[in-house]
Protein backbone atom coordinates (compact mmCIF):
# COMPACT_ATOMS: atom_id res chain seq x y z
CA UNK A 1 -13.32 -1.15 -2.71
CA UNK A 2 -12.23 -1.27 0.90
CA UNK A 3 -10.50 1.84 2.19
CA UNK A 4 -8.41 2.65 5.23
CA UNK A 5 -7.09 6.02 6.40
CA UNK A 6 -3.44 6.84 6.91
CA UNK A 7 -4.24 7.50 10.58
CA UNK A 8 -5.74 4.00 10.96
CA UNK A 9 -2.62 2.45 9.42
CA UNK A 10 -0.37 4.53 11.67
CA UNK A 11 -2.38 3.52 14.77
CA UNK A 12 -2.15 -0.17 13.82
CA UNK A 13 1.63 0.12 13.52
CA UNK A 14 1.86 1.98 16.85
CA UNK A 15 -0.11 -0.87 18.47
CA UNK A 16 2.51 -3.37 17.31
CA UNK A 17 0.76 -4.67 14.21
CA UNK A 18 2.79 -5.20 11.06
CA UNK A 19 0.40 -4.65 8.15
CA UNK A 20 1.43 -5.75 4.67
CA UNK A 21 1.89 -2.40 2.92
CA UNK A 22 2.46 -2.35 -0.82
CA UNK A 23 3.76 0.99 -2.12
CA UNK A 24 2.94 1.32 -5.84
CA UNK A 25 4.82 4.58 -6.43
CA UNK A 26 7.81 4.83 -8.74
CA UNK A 27 11.37 4.20 -7.50
CA UNK A 28 12.29 7.89 -7.27
CA UNK A 29 9.15 8.66 -5.25
CA UNK A 30 9.82 5.86 -2.77
CA UNK A 31 13.43 7.04 -2.43
CA UNK A 32 12.22 10.43 -1.16
CA UNK A 33 10.46 8.74 1.76
CA UNK A 34 8.32 5.72 2.51
CA UNK A 35 6.61 3.96 5.39
CA UNK A 36 9.06 1.53 7.05
CA UNK A 37 8.54 -2.12 6.12
CA UNK A 38 6.78 -1.58 2.80
CA UNK A 39 6.80 -3.94 -0.14
CA UNK A 40 7.69 -1.80 -3.16
CA UNK A 41 5.98 -2.80 -6.39
CA UNK A 42 5.54 0.05 -8.90
CA UNK A 43 2.02 0.05 -10.35
CA UNK A 44 3.33 -0.75 -13.83
CA UNK A 45 4.93 -3.96 -12.53
CA UNK A 46 2.06 -5.12 -10.32
CA UNK A 47 0.60 -7.56 -12.87
CA UNK A 48 4.06 -9.19 -13.22
CA UNK A 49 4.66 -9.45 -9.45
CA UNK A 50 1.25 -10.73 -8.36
CA UNK A 51 2.68 -14.26 -7.98
CA UNK A 52 4.97 -12.90 -5.22
CA UNK A 53 1.93 -12.08 -3.05
CA UNK A 54 -0.02 -14.40 -0.75
CA UNK A 55 -3.81 -14.48 -1.23
CA UNK A 56 -4.18 -15.55 2.41
CA UNK A 57 -2.68 -12.24 3.62
CA UNK A 58 -4.46 -8.87 3.68
CA UNK A 59 -2.67 -5.98 1.97
CA UNK A 60 -2.88 -2.21 2.22
CA UNK A 61 -1.99 -0.34 -0.97
CA UNK A 62 -0.19 3.02 -0.77
CA UNK A 63 0.75 5.69 -3.33
CA UNK A 64 1.25 9.46 -3.27
CA UNK A 65 -2.38 10.60 -3.13
CA UNK A 66 -4.58 7.50 -3.38
CA UNK A 67 -5.35 7.37 -7.11
CA UNK A 68 -2.74 4.81 -8.22
CA UNK A 69 -3.31 2.76 -5.10
CA UNK A 70 -7.03 2.74 -5.98
CA UNK A 71 -6.20 1.25 -9.38
CA UNK A 72 -3.84 -1.28 -7.77
CA UNK A 73 -6.54 -2.21 -5.24
CA UNK A 74 -9.00 -2.86 -8.07
CA UNK A 75 -6.45 -5.00 -9.93
CA UNK A 76 -5.68 -7.13 -6.88
CA UNK A 77 -9.35 -7.40 -5.84
CA UNK A 78 -10.07 -8.72 -9.33
CA UNK A 79 -7.48 -11.42 -8.74
CA UNK A 80 -9.04 -12.49 -5.44
CA UNK A 81 -6.82 -10.63 -2.95
CA UNK A 82 -7.99 -9.04 0.31
CA UNK A 83 -6.81 -5.45 -0.20
CA UNK A 84 -7.58 -1.97 1.08
CA UNK A 85 -6.69 1.38 -0.44
CA UNK A 86 -4.97 3.86 1.91
CA UNK A 87 -6.98 6.98 1.08
CA UNK A 88 -4.98 10.17 0.75
CA UNK A 89 -1.75 8.23 0.25
CA UNK A 90 1.57 9.53 1.48
CA UNK A 91 0.21 13.08 1.37
CA UNK A 92 -1.94 12.09 4.38
CA UNK A 93 0.76 10.09 6.18
CA UNK A 94 1.97 11.67 9.42
CA UNK A 95 3.85 8.67 10.81
CA UNK A 96 7.47 7.58 10.56
CA UNK A 97 9.15 7.78 7.16
CA UNK A 98 12.37 6.12 6.02
């Protein structure tokens, strides 16, 4: 499983990149604060929303601490997607939050 740190994601955004971030937390968790520009797909709905994603695009998966995003990364890798797990999740995020 590929991994990326929250700091690496933040630096990419600060350099003008717009990574495809999928937040797999629940609705109430995302409402308390999320990285701007995320795609919100709760982990329980990921299998049903996979057709909405583009296999030609890389994705970074985000959750609260990194455990659920790890599961989501494994699911999407198994379906042929280029995905990375943001280790530490939102607990490690120091960048802008909406």
